Amino acid sequence: MSETSMSSSKRAFKSRGERTIASLLDEVGILYRYEPSVLINDNGYKRIWYPAFLLPQYSVFIEYFGVEFDPAYLERTQHKLEIYDRNHIDVLPVYPAVLRGDYAGYILGEIHLACTRRVAGLERTIYLHTIRSRSETITPHCSYGASRAREH
């Protein structure tokens, strides 16, 4: 199921943790898609993964890693996070320990942080483009001025 939703009450989730996250997203009015498919390049192999949530308004995924105290699961979790990063996919990892604390503050803060990083990247791109545009405009003018000075 990958329809955009704002109602977790009628949907079946794979875990209590996912239901908790969905309820928070509903409560604050953030639209999400549950278990969307994502094409991943996993060390040269094309794979389709299904993270728990996509927040289309923010281009951020939430992945719930619900198993604790299992070294093999932790290793797979680390691998997944590394692969998401290599594929330039913003993923907010949520663990059971997070849900035992201020999970709303954590999740909303991480969404904000991801958006802030994206805006900062755009601002950097705009700044560099502006600098390049100015230097291209100034350079011919300076050359013209220098050659005119030699003529007089």
C-alpha atoms as a PDB file:
ATOM      1  CA  MET A   1       0.000   0.000   0.000  1.00  0.00           C
ATOM      2  CA  SER A   2       1.473   3.291  -0.962  1.00  0.00           C
ATOM      3  CA  GLU A   3      -1.399   5.741  -1.163  1.00  0.00           C
ATOM      4  CA  THR A   4      -0.974   9.116   0.505  1.00  0.00           C
ATOM      5  CA  SER A   5      -2.843   9.095   3.771  1.00  0.00           C
ATOM      6  CA  MET A   6      -3.646  11.127   6.817  1.00  0.00           C
ATOM      7  CA  SER A   7      -5.581   8.473   8.679  1.00  0.00           C
ATOM      8  CA  SER A   8      -3.716   5.757  10.502  1.00  0.00           C
ATOM      9  CA  SER A   9      -6.820   4.525  12.325  1.00  0.00           C
ATOM     10  CA  LYS A  10      -8.058   2.349   9.433  1.00  0.00           C
ATOM     11  CA  ARG A  11      -4.723   1.016   8.237  1.00  0.00           C
ATOM     12  CA  ALA A  12      -2.875  -2.119   9.259  1.00  0.00           C
ATOM     13  CA  PHE A  13       0.754  -1.540  10.207  1.00  0.00           C
ATOM     14  CA  LYS A  14       3.489  -4.110  10.632  1.00  0.00           C
ATOM     15  CA  SER A  15       4.349  -2.936  14.131  1.00  0.00           C
ATOM     16  CA  ARG A  16       3.169  -0.874  17.064  1.00  0.00           C
ATOM     17  CA  GLY A  17       6.094   1.474  16.403  1.00  0.00           C
ATOM     18  CA  GLU A  18       4.919   2.198  12.874  1.00  0.00           C
ATOM     19  CA  ARG A  19       1.392   2.854  14.167  1.00  0.00           C
ATOM     20  CA  THR A  20       2.830   5.303  16.737  1.00  0.00           C
ATOM     21  CA  ILE A  21       4.744   7.153  14.026  1.00  0.00           C
ATOM     22  CA  ALA A  22       1.683   7.253  11.738  1.00  0.00           C
ATOM     23  CA  SER A  23      -0.474   8.586  14.573  1.00  0.00           C
ATOM     24  CA  LEU A  24       2.014  11.396  15.166  1.00  0.00           C
ATOM     25  CA  LEU A  25       2.075  12.265  11.465  1.00  0.00           C
ATOM     26  CA  ASP A  26      -1.736  12.305  11.443  1.00  0.00           C
ATOM     27  CA  GLU A  27      -1.835  14.448  14.570  1.00  0.00           C
ATOM     28  CA  VAL A  28       0.428  17.143  13.106  1.00  0.00           C
ATOM     29  CA  GLY A  29      -1.101  16.961   9.620  1.00  0.00           C
ATOM     30  CA  ILE A  30       1.875  15.547   7.715  1.00  0.00           C
ATOM     31  CA  LEU A  31       0.860  13.512   4.684  1.00  0.00           C
ATOM     32  CA  TYR A  32       2.630  10.204   4.201  1.00  0.00           C
ATOM     33  CA  ARG A  33       2.767   7.143   2.017  1.00  0.00           C
ATOM     34  CA  TYR A  34       3.091   3.851   3.830  1.00  0.00           C
ATOM     35  CA  GLU A  35       5.695   1.427   2.507  1.00  0.00           C
ATOM     36  CA  PRO A  36       6.432   3.115  -0.823  1.00  0.00           C
ATOM     37  CA  SER A  37       8.778   1.282  -3.169  1.00  0.00           C
ATOM     38  CA  VAL A  38      12.235   2.812  -3.631  1.00  0.00           C
ATOM     39  CA  LEU A  39      14.771   1.698  -6.235  1.00  0.00           C
ATOM     40  CA  ILE A  40      18.169   1.369  -4.570  1.00  0.00           C
ATOM     41  CA  ASN A  41      21.636   0.777  -5.956  1.00  0.00           C
ATOM     42  CA  ASP A  42      23.057  -1.603  -3.357  1.00  0.00           C
ATOM     43  CA  ASN A  43      26.746  -1.960  -4.250  1.00  0.00           C
ATOM     44  CA  GLY A  44      26.008  -2.398  -7.945  1.00  0.00           C
ATOM     45  CA  TYR A  45      22.806  -4.399  -7.506  1.00  0.00           C
ATOM     46  CA  LYS A  46      19.423  -2.793  -8.217  1.00  0.00           C
ATOM     47  CA  ARG A  47      16.989  -3.549  -5.420  1.00  0.00           C
ATOM     48  CA  ILE A  48      13.555  -2.366  -4.399  1.00  0.00           C
ATOM     49  CA  TRP A  49      13.214  -1.479  -0.745  1.00  0.00           C
ATOM     50  CA  TYR A  50      10.101  -0.503   1.174  1.00  0.00           C
ATOM     51  CA  PRO A  51      10.857   2.022   3.921  1.00  0.00           C
ATOM     52  CA  ALA A  52       8.043   2.525   6.406  1.00  0.00           C
ATOM     53  CA  PHE A  53       7.011   6.039   5.334  1.00  0.00           C
ATOM     54  CA  LEU A  54       7.567   8.646   2.659  1.00  0.00           C
ATOM     55  CA  LEU A  55       6.730  12.219   3.557  1.00  0.00           C
ATOM     56  CA  PRO A  56       6.167  13.627   0.047  1.00  0.00           C
ATOM     57  CA  GLN A  57       5.876  17.263   1.214  1.00  0.00           C
ATOM     58  CA  TYR A  58       9.407  17.058   2.586  1.00  0.00           C
ATOM     59  CA  SER A  59      11.039  14.394   0.368  1.00  0.00           C
ATOM     60  CA  VAL A  60      12.036  12.502   3.499  1.00  0.00           C
ATOM     61  CA  PHE A  61      11.618   8.820   4.319  1.00  0.00           C
ATOM     62  CA  ILE A  62      11.143   7.402   7.797  1.00  0.00           C
ATOM     63  CA  GLU A  63      12.525   3.930   8.398  1.00  0.00           C
ATOM     64  CA  TYR A  64      11.488   2.186  11.599  1.00  0.00           C
ATOM     65  CA  PHE A  65      14.064  -0.280  12.892  1.00  0.00           C
ATOM     66  CA  GLY A  66      12.046  -2.089  15.521  1.00  0.00           C
ATOM     67  CA  VAL A  67      14.309  -4.912  16.680  1.00  0.00           C
ATOM     68  CA  GLU A  68      16.571  -4.305  19.657  1.00  0.00           C
ATOM     69  CA  PHE A  69      19.566  -6.219  20.994  1.00  0.00           C
ATOM     70  CA  ASP A  70      20.142  -8.299  17.850  1.00  0.00           C
ATOM     71  CA  PRO A  71      23.675  -7.814  16.431  1.00  0.00           C
ATOM     72  CA  ALA A  72      22.741  -9.216  12.988  1.00  0.00           C
ATOM     73  CA  TYR A  73      19.741  -6.853  12.726  1.00  0.00           C
ATOM     74  CA  LEU A  74      21.921  -3.933  13.819  1.00  0.00           C
ATOM     75  CA  GLU A  75      24.455  -4.823  11.112  1.00  0.00           C
ATOM     76  CA  ARG A  76      21.697  -4.902   8.447  1.00  0.00           C
ATOM     77  CA  THR A  77      20.375  -1.585   9.776  1.00  0.00           C
ATOM     78  CA  GLN A  78      23.808   0.046   9.422  1.00  0.00           C
ATOM     79  CA  HIS A  79      24.129  -1.376   5.905  1.00  0.00           C
ATOM     80  CA  LYS A  80      20.723   0.024   4.918  1.00  0.00           C
ATOM     81  CA  LEU A  81      21.549   3.477   6.285  1.00  0.00           C
ATOM     82  CA  GLU A  82      24.880   3.517   4.433  1.00  0.00           C
ATOM     83  CA  ILE A  83      23.191   2.509   1.174  1.00  0.00           C
ATOM     84  CA  TYR A  84      20.468   5.142   1.585  1.00  0.00           C
ATOM     85  CA  ASP A  85      23.208   7.725   2.121  1.00  0.00           C
ATOM     86  CA  ARG A  86      25.159   6.586  -0.970  1.00  0.00           C
ATOM     87  CA  ASN A  87      21.936   6.869  -2.975  1.00  0.00           C
ATOM     88  CA  HIS A  88      21.392  10.426  -1.651  1.00  0.00           C
ATOM     89  CA  ILE A  89      18.096   9.492  -0.028  1.00  0.00           C
ATOM     90  CA  ASP A  90      17.103  11.356   3.130  1.00  0.00           C
ATOM     91  CA  VAL A  91      16.074   8.726   5.663  1.00  0.00           C
ATOM     92  CA  LEU A  92      15.144   9.436   9.236  1.00  0.00           C
ATOM     93  CA  PRO A  93      15.865   6.302  11.275  1.00  0.00           C
ATOM     94  CA  VAL A  94      13.565   5.657  14.221  1.00  0.00           C
ATOM     95  CA  TYR A  95      14.324   3.045  16.879  1.00  0.00           C
ATOM     96  CA  PRO A  96      12.234   1.679  19.782  1.00  0.00           C
ATOM     97  CA  ALA A  97      14.329   3.727  22.255  1.00  0.00           C
ATOM     98  CA  VAL A  98      13.279   6.902  20.405  1.00  0.00           C
ATOM     99  CA  LEU A  99       9.619   5.966  20.831  1.00  0.00           C
ATOM    100  CA  ARG A 100      10.143   5.630  24.588  1.00  0.00           C
ATOM    101  CA  GLY A 101      11.255   9.282  24.768  1.00  0.00           C
ATOM    102  CA  ASP A 102      10.229  12.542  23.126  1.00  0.00           C
ATOM    103  CA  TYR A 103       9.664  10.891  19.766  1.00  0.00           C
ATOM    104  CA  ALA A 104       7.521  13.769  18.468  1.00  0.00           C
ATOM    105  CA  GLY A 105      10.322  16.258  19.114  1.00  0.00           C
ATOM    106  CA  TYR A 106      12.886  13.922  17.571  1.00  0.00           C
ATOM    107  CA  ILE A 107      10.895  13.131  14.410  1.00  0.00           C
ATOM    108  CA  LEU A 108       9.737  16.699  13.781  1.00  0.00           C
ATOM    109  CA  GLY A 109      13.208  18.038  14.546  1.00  0.00           C
ATOM    110  CA  GLU A 110      14.837  15.598  12.116  1.00  0.00           C
ATOM    111  CA  ILE A 111      12.347  16.501   9.378  1.00  0.00           C
ATOM    112  CA  HIS A 112      13.181  20.160   9.978  1.00  0.00           C
ATOM    113  CA  LEU A 113      16.909  19.408   9.905  1.00  0.00           C
ATOM    114  CA  ALA A 114      16.616  17.514   6.589  1.00  0.00           C
ATOM    115  CA  CYS A 115      14.707  20.415   5.036  1.00  0.00           C
ATOM    116  CA  THR A 116      17.212  22.921   6.429  1.00  0.00           C
ATOM    117  CA  ARG A 117      20.117  20.972   4.888  1.00  0.00           C
ATOM    118  CA  ARG A 118      18.318  20.900   1.549  1.00  0.00           C
ATOM    119  CA  VAL A 119      17.664  24.667   1.655  1.00  0.00           C
ATOM    120  CA  ALA A 120      21.281  25.331   2.666  1.00  0.00           C
ATOM    121  CA  GLY A 121      22.440  23.288  -0.326  1.00  0.00           C
ATOM    122  CA  LEU A 122      20.178  25.292  -2.609  1.00  0.00           C
ATOM    123  CA  GLU A 123      21.425  28.577  -1.124  1.00  0.00           C
ATOM    124  CA  ARG A 124      25.023  27.440  -1.671  1.00  0.00           C
ATOM    125  CA  THR A 125      24.220  26.586  -5.302  1.00  0.00           C
ATOM    126  CA  ILE A 126      22.556  29.971  -5.844  1.00  0.00           C
ATOM    127  CA  TYR A 127      25.503  31.774  -4.226  1.00  0.00           C
ATOM    128  CA  LEU A 128      28.060  29.939  -6.378  1.00  0.00           C
ATOM    129  CA  HIS A 129      26.002  30.589  -9.499  1.00  0.00           C
ATOM    130  CA  THR A 130      25.785  34.285  -8.621  1.00  0.00           C
ATOM    131  CA  ILE A 131      29.550  34.490  -8.049  1.00  0.00           C
ATOM    132  CA  ARG A 132      30.235  32.771 -11.390  1.00  0.00           C
ATOM    133  CA  SER A 133      27.744  35.001 -13.205  1.00  0.00           C
ATOM    134  CA  ARG A 134      29.299  38.139 -11.728  1.00  0.00           C
ATOM    135  CA  SER A 135      32.848  37.064 -12.555  1.00  0.00           C
ATOM    136  CA  GLU A 136      31.833  36.295 -16.148  1.00  0.00           C
ATOM    137  CA  THR A 137      30.226  39.734 -16.439  1.00  0.00           C
ATOM    138  CA  ILE A 138      33.073  41.563 -14.721  1.00  0.00           C
ATOM    139  CA  THR A 139      35.966  39.853 -16.518  1.00  0.00           C
ATOM    140  CA  PRO A 140      35.190  41.143 -20.040  1.00  0.00           C
ATOM    141  CA  HIS A 141      34.531  44.620 -18.623  1.00  0.00           C
ATOM    142  CA  CYS A 142      37.880  44.630 -16.786  1.00  0.00           C
ATOM    143  CA  SER A 143      39.710  43.437 -19.900  1.00  0.00           C
ATOM    144  CA  TYR A 144      38.051  46.133 -21.934  1.00  0.00           C
ATOM    145  CA  GLY A 145      38.988  48.765 -19.368  1.00  0.00           C
ATOM    146  CA  ALA A 146      42.607  47.576 -19.247  1.00  0.00           C
ATOM    147  CA  SER A 147      42.989  47.659 -23.010  1.00  0.00           C
ATOM    148  CA  ARG A 148      41.361  51.110 -23.197  1.00  0.00           C
ATOM    149  CA  ALA A 149      43.813  52.386 -20.560  1.00  0.00           C
ATOM    150  CA  ARG A 150      46.748  51.263 -22.712  1.00  0.00           C
ATOM    151  CA  GLU A 151      45.319  53.084 -25.741  1.00  0.00           C
ATOM    152  CA  HIS A 152      45.381  56.487 -23.979  1.00  0.00           C
END
